[in-house]
Structure formats: C-alpha cells, structure tokens
C-alpha cells in the first residue's frame, strides 16, 4: 500500500487501485468491443505513467503496483461486469465518480498526479483502435466518455 492511501478506508483504497482498470474498461468498451489493441494500449499507458512519473516519488510506487499483472486483473474485471456498454458504462462511471469524495482525503499533489494519469490512460486507450491503421481515431462512443466528466479535478 502506498503512504498516500493509508488514511483511506479499505474500500477507498481498493477503488484507487482499480480505477486505472475501470478507466480502461470504460473507454475500451464504449463501443461494446474491448479489443486486444485497446487492452495492450492500456497496459502500455499504465506502464508509461509509471515511467513518466518515476521521478515523482508520490506516484511512482503506486504505478509500480498497478502495473503488476495488469492484463490479468483487467480480464478478470471485464468478466465480472455486464457485457454491454449500455449497462456497464454507467456502472463503471458511478464507481469512478466515488473518487471525487476521496480526493480531499489524499495528499493534494498525489491526487492531482493521479487524476492526470487517469485522464492520460483514457486518452491513450481511446486512440488505440480505429482510424487508418488503427492510429489516432476516437470513436463516437469513446468520445462520450474519454474526458472522464464524472471526475472533478482535485482541489
């Protein structure tokens, strides 16, 4: 467990750790098709966040933990959620929205870095499929969710 989560309840800690997975599912599955490219891009995005923030001690350890068996955890979570985006995405968005109540309990700098990293994962996953050769195209369904409007910026 990271020091920035010690003051959180067990349920809050669990949500903090699974939010990158939930963001992946929300965006990748917006079109009802969570494809291999999107899953792989999510793993890379989480790993990229770890590498990007490696000199940010407040978040480095967190992403080091998140990236352990990311694909396995992602597949397990996908199986546990409704198969159709129309049912799944509101459920996932509602779960992510709970982070807004957690921000004030966290170290301000960590909360902001974490928030920015979730937005980055959403953006990278959205661009993982579609377009010419699968590059830089965000589907109409993904556009609806990619901004993560259910999350408020930590203050």
C-alpha atoms as a PDB file:
ATOM      1  CA  UNK A   1       0.000   0.000   0.000  1.00  0.00           C
ATOM      2  CA  UNK A   2       1.188   3.490  -0.774  1.00  0.00           C
ATOM      3  CA  UNK A   3       1.536   6.015   2.074  1.00  0.00           C
ATOM      4  CA  UNK A   4      -0.938   8.368   0.354  1.00  0.00           C
ATOM      5  CA  UNK A   5      -3.684   5.747   0.782  1.00  0.00           C
ATOM      6  CA  UNK A   6      -3.087   4.758   4.404  1.00  0.00           C
ATOM      7  CA  UNK A   7      -5.745   7.142   5.715  1.00  0.00           C
ATOM      8  CA  UNK A   8      -8.379   5.754   3.320  1.00  0.00           C
ATOM      9  CA  UNK A   9     -10.839   3.015   4.152  1.00  0.00           C
ATOM     10  CA  UNK A  10     -10.244  -0.415   2.666  1.00  0.00           C
ATOM     11  CA  UNK A  11     -12.976   0.175   0.050  1.00  0.00           C
ATOM     12  CA  UNK A  12     -11.485   3.545  -0.897  1.00  0.00           C
ATOM     13  CA  UNK A  13      -8.015   2.016  -1.242  1.00  0.00           C
ATOM     14  CA  UNK A  14      -9.417  -0.722  -3.469  1.00  0.00           C
ATOM     15  CA  UNK A  15     -11.094   1.864  -5.709  1.00  0.00           C
ATOM     16  CA  UNK A  16      -7.898   3.897  -6.010  1.00  0.00           C
ATOM     17  CA  UNK A  17      -6.000   0.808  -7.159  1.00  0.00           C
ATOM     18  CA  UNK A  18      -8.657  -0.416  -9.571  1.00  0.00           C
ATOM     19  CA  UNK A  19      -9.544   2.969 -11.138  1.00  0.00           C
ATOM     20  CA  UNK A  20      -6.950   2.644 -13.956  1.00  0.00           C
ATOM     21  CA  UNK A  21      -8.592  -0.681 -14.850  1.00  0.00           C
ATOM     22  CA  UNK A  22     -12.064   0.867 -14.694  1.00  0.00           C
ATOM     23  CA  UNK A  23     -10.979   3.739 -16.959  1.00  0.00           C
ATOM     24  CA  UNK A  24      -9.626   1.199 -19.432  1.00  0.00           C
ATOM     25  CA  UNK A  25     -12.893  -0.751 -19.442  1.00  0.00           C
ATOM     26  CA  UNK A  26     -14.988   2.420 -19.707  1.00  0.00           C
ATOM     27  CA  UNK A  27     -13.143   3.716 -22.758  1.00  0.00           C
ATOM     28  CA  UNK A  28     -12.160   0.477 -24.490  1.00  0.00           C
ATOM     29  CA  UNK A  29     -15.646  -0.966 -24.103  1.00  0.00           C
ATOM     30  CA  UNK A  30     -17.613   2.146 -25.036  1.00  0.00           C
ATOM     31  CA  UNK A  31     -18.299   0.647 -28.466  1.00  0.00           C
ATOM     32  CA  UNK A  32     -19.171  -2.790 -26.977  1.00  0.00           C
ATOM     33  CA  UNK A  33     -15.869  -4.208 -28.230  1.00  0.00           C
ATOM     34  CA  UNK A  34     -12.891  -4.324 -25.897  1.00  0.00           C
ATOM     35  CA  UNK A  35     -10.264  -5.380 -28.394  1.00  0.00           C
ATOM     36  CA  UNK A  36      -6.728  -6.643 -27.955  1.00  0.00           C
ATOM     37  CA  UNK A  37      -5.184  -3.362 -29.153  1.00  0.00           C
ATOM     38  CA  UNK A  38      -7.060  -1.395 -26.513  1.00  0.00           C
ATOM     39  CA  UNK A  39      -6.050  -3.808 -23.741  1.00  0.00           C
ATOM     40  CA  UNK A  40      -2.425  -3.704 -24.831  1.00  0.00           C
ATOM     41  CA  UNK A  41      -2.516   0.090 -25.059  1.00  0.00           C
ATOM     42  CA  UNK A  42      -3.913   0.232 -21.513  1.00  0.00           C
ATOM     43  CA  UNK A  43      -1.013  -1.860 -20.234  1.00  0.00           C
ATOM     44  CA  UNK A  44       1.394   0.441 -22.057  1.00  0.00           C
ATOM     45  CA  UNK A  45      -0.407   3.529 -20.742  1.00  0.00           C
ATOM     46  CA  UNK A  46      -0.176   2.317 -17.144  1.00  0.00           C
ATOM     47  CA  UNK A  47       3.470   1.401 -17.657  1.00  0.00           C
ATOM     48  CA  UNK A  48       4.067   4.752 -19.362  1.00  0.00           C
ATOM     49  CA  UNK A  49       2.529   6.509 -16.367  1.00  0.00           C
ATOM     50  CA  UNK A  50       4.881   4.592 -14.090  1.00  0.00           C
ATOM     51  CA  UNK A  51       7.864   5.569 -16.241  1.00  0.00           C
ATOM     52  CA  UNK A  52       6.686   9.153 -16.705  1.00  0.00           C
ATOM     53  CA  UNK A  53       6.201   9.677 -13.000  1.00  0.00           C
ATOM     54  CA  UNK A  54       9.286   7.686 -11.957  1.00  0.00           C
ATOM     55  CA  UNK A  55      10.804  10.893 -10.585  1.00  0.00           C
ATOM     56  CA  UNK A  56       7.592  11.719  -8.766  1.00  0.00           C
ATOM     57  CA  UNK A  57       8.023   9.631  -5.617  1.00  0.00           C
ATOM     58  CA  UNK A  58       4.436  10.295  -4.591  1.00  0.00           C
ATOM     59  CA  UNK A  59       3.054   8.292  -7.519  1.00  0.00           C
ATOM     60  CA  UNK A  60       5.907   6.071  -8.702  1.00  0.00           C
ATOM     61  CA  UNK A  61       5.260   3.292  -6.165  1.00  0.00           C
ATOM     62  CA  UNK A  62       1.546   3.389  -6.943  1.00  0.00           C
ATOM     63  CA  UNK A  63       2.010   2.740 -10.664  1.00  0.00           C
ATOM     64  CA  UNK A  64       4.639   0.124  -9.962  1.00  0.00           C
ATOM     65  CA  UNK A  65       1.916  -1.762  -8.052  1.00  0.00           C
ATOM     66  CA  UNK A  66      -0.830  -1.067 -10.605  1.00  0.00           C
ATOM     67  CA  UNK A  67       1.197  -2.476 -13.488  1.00  0.00           C
ATOM     68  CA  UNK A  68       1.701  -5.848 -11.782  1.00  0.00           C
ATOM     69  CA  UNK A  69      -0.481  -8.376 -13.659  1.00  0.00           C
ATOM     70  CA  UNK A  70      -2.470  -5.509 -15.191  1.00  0.00           C
ATOM     71  CA  UNK A  71      -3.780  -7.640 -18.073  1.00  0.00           C
ATOM     72  CA  UNK A  72      -4.874 -10.458 -15.762  1.00  0.00           C
ATOM     73  CA  UNK A  73      -6.698  -8.069 -13.437  1.00  0.00           C
ATOM     74  CA  UNK A  74      -8.231  -6.303 -16.438  1.00  0.00           C
ATOM     75  CA  UNK A  75      -9.575  -9.534 -17.938  1.00  0.00           C
ATOM     76  CA  UNK A  76     -10.989 -10.637 -14.576  1.00  0.00           C
ATOM     77  CA  UNK A  77     -12.742  -7.304 -14.081  1.00  0.00           C
ATOM     78  CA  UNK A  78     -14.175  -7.371 -17.622  1.00  0.00           C
ATOM     79  CA  UNK A  79     -15.699 -10.785 -16.916  1.00  0.00           C
ATOM     80  CA  UNK A  80     -17.298  -9.506 -13.690  1.00  0.00           C
ATOM     81  CA  UNK A  81     -19.061  -6.565 -15.365  1.00  0.00           C
ATOM     82  CA  UNK A  82     -22.097  -6.534 -17.680  1.00  0.00           C
ATOM     83  CA  UNK A  83     -21.121  -7.392 -21.275  1.00  0.00           C
ATOM     84  CA  UNK A  84     -22.948  -4.485 -22.955  1.00  0.00           C
ATOM     85  CA  UNK A  85     -21.658  -0.920 -22.716  1.00  0.00           C
ATOM     86  CA  UNK A  86     -25.169   0.457 -22.167  1.00  0.00           C
ATOM     87  CA  UNK A  87     -25.288  -1.367 -18.823  1.00  0.00           C
ATOM     88  CA  UNK A  88     -21.581  -1.493 -17.996  1.00  0.00           C
ATOM     89  CA  UNK A  89     -20.513   2.117 -18.574  1.00  0.00           C
ATOM     90  CA  UNK A  90     -22.998   3.789 -16.210  1.00  0.00           C
ATOM     91  CA  UNK A  91     -21.952   1.279 -13.529  1.00  0.00           C
ATOM     92  CA  UNK A  92     -18.247   1.948 -14.139  1.00  0.00           C
ATOM     93  CA  UNK A  93     -18.784   5.729 -14.278  1.00  0.00           C
ATOM     94  CA  UNK A  94     -20.674   5.614 -10.990  1.00  0.00           C
ATOM     95  CA  UNK A  95     -17.800   3.723  -9.397  1.00  0.00           C
ATOM     96  CA  UNK A  96     -15.231   6.194 -10.742  1.00  0.00           C
ATOM     97  CA  UNK A  97     -17.324   9.128  -9.525  1.00  0.00           C
ATOM     98  CA  UNK A  98     -16.650   7.970  -5.955  1.00  0.00           C
ATOM     99  CA  UNK A  99     -13.074   9.178  -6.407  1.00  0.00           C
ATOM    100  CA  UNK A 100     -14.402  12.740  -6.046  1.00  0.00           C
ATOM    101  CA  UNK A 101     -15.103  12.028  -2.368  1.00  0.00           C
ATOM    102  CA  UNK A 102     -11.631  10.533  -1.947  1.00  0.00           C
ATOM    103  CA  UNK A 103      -9.611  13.439  -3.404  1.00  0.00           C
ATOM    104  CA  UNK A 104      -9.873  15.609  -0.246  1.00  0.00           C
ATOM    105  CA  UNK A 105      -8.574  12.719   1.886  1.00  0.00           C
ATOM    106  CA  UNK A 106      -5.433  12.354  -0.215  1.00  0.00           C
ATOM    107  CA  UNK A 107      -2.221  14.306  -0.422  1.00  0.00           C
ATOM    108  CA  UNK A 108      -3.034  17.161  -2.830  1.00  0.00           C
ATOM    109  CA  UNK A 109      -0.036  16.623  -5.093  1.00  0.00           C
ATOM    110  CA  UNK A 110      -0.644  12.874  -5.313  1.00  0.00           C
ATOM    111  CA  UNK A 111      -4.355  13.388  -6.037  1.00  0.00           C
ATOM    112  CA  UNK A 112      -3.575  15.758  -8.907  1.00  0.00           C
ATOM    113  CA  UNK A 113      -0.909  13.478 -10.416  1.00  0.00           C
ATOM    114  CA  UNK A 114      -3.260  10.532 -10.098  1.00  0.00           C
ATOM    115  CA  UNK A 115      -6.157  12.427 -11.704  1.00  0.00           C
ATOM    116  CA  UNK A 116      -3.928  13.483 -14.614  1.00  0.00           C
ATOM    117  CA  UNK A 117      -2.721   9.910 -15.053  1.00  0.00           C
ATOM    118  CA  UNK A 118      -6.287   8.584 -15.302  1.00  0.00           C
ATOM    119  CA  UNK A 119      -7.058  11.181 -17.980  1.00  0.00           C
ATOM    120  CA  UNK A 120      -3.905  10.119 -19.825  1.00  0.00           C
ATOM    121  CA  UNK A 121      -4.910   6.444 -19.751  1.00  0.00           C
ATOM    122  CA  UNK A 122      -8.371   7.335 -21.081  1.00  0.00           C
ATOM    123  CA  UNK A 123      -6.877   9.318 -23.944  1.00  0.00           C
ATOM    124  CA  UNK A 124      -4.339   6.652 -24.894  1.00  0.00           C
ATOM    125  CA  UNK A 125      -6.873   3.815 -24.799  1.00  0.00           C
ATOM    126  CA  UNK A 126      -9.334   5.836 -26.903  1.00  0.00           C
ATOM    127  CA  UNK A 127      -6.708   6.281 -29.602  1.00  0.00           C
ATOM    128  CA  UNK A 128      -5.706   2.591 -29.620  1.00  0.00           C
ATOM    129  CA  UNK A 129      -8.187   1.387 -32.258  1.00  0.00           C
ATOM    130  CA  UNK A 130      -9.830   2.677 -35.391  1.00  0.00           C
ATOM    131  CA  UNK A 131      -8.738   5.177 -37.963  1.00  0.00           C
ATOM    132  CA  UNK A 132      -6.131   4.496 -40.611  1.00  0.00           C
ATOM    133  CA  UNK A 133      -4.029   1.550 -39.448  1.00  0.00           C
ATOM    134  CA  UNK A 134      -5.663   1.899 -36.045  1.00  0.00           C
ATOM    135  CA  UNK A 135      -3.994   5.204 -35.279  1.00  0.00           C
ATOM    136  CA  UNK A 136      -5.373   8.259 -33.517  1.00  0.00           C
ATOM    137  CA  UNK A 137      -9.065   7.714 -34.125  1.00  0.00           C
ATOM    138  CA  UNK A 138     -11.531   8.047 -31.291  1.00  0.00           C
ATOM    139  CA  UNK A 139     -14.944   6.510 -31.881  1.00  0.00           C
ATOM    140  CA  UNK A 140     -18.166   8.432 -31.297  1.00  0.00           C
ATOM    141  CA  UNK A 141     -18.927   6.185 -28.319  1.00  0.00           C
ATOM    142  CA  UNK A 142     -15.473   6.699 -26.811  1.00  0.00           C
ATOM    143  CA  UNK A 143     -15.732  10.486 -27.239  1.00  0.00           C
ATOM    144  CA  UNK A 144     -18.719  10.422 -24.897  1.00  0.00           C
ATOM    145  CA  UNK A 145     -16.542   9.054 -22.084  1.00  0.00           C
ATOM    146  CA  UNK A 146     -12.908   9.971 -22.844  1.00  0.00           C
ATOM    147  CA  UNK A 147     -12.967  13.262 -20.915  1.00  0.00           C
ATOM    148  CA  UNK A 148     -13.915  11.357 -17.740  1.00  0.00           C
ATOM    149  CA  UNK A 149     -16.505  14.012 -16.937  1.00  0.00           C
ATOM    150  CA  UNK A 150     -17.635  12.056 -13.884  1.00  0.00           C
ATOM    151  CA  UNK A 151     -14.350  13.062 -12.229  1.00  0.00           C
ATOM    152  CA  UNK A 152     -13.805  16.507 -10.801  1.00  0.00           C
ATOM    153  CA  UNK A 153     -10.320  17.925 -10.718  1.00  0.00           C
ATOM    154  CA  UNK A 154      -8.892  17.602  -7.204  1.00  0.00           C
ATOM    155  CA  UNK A 155      -8.654  20.939  -5.394  1.00  0.00           C
END
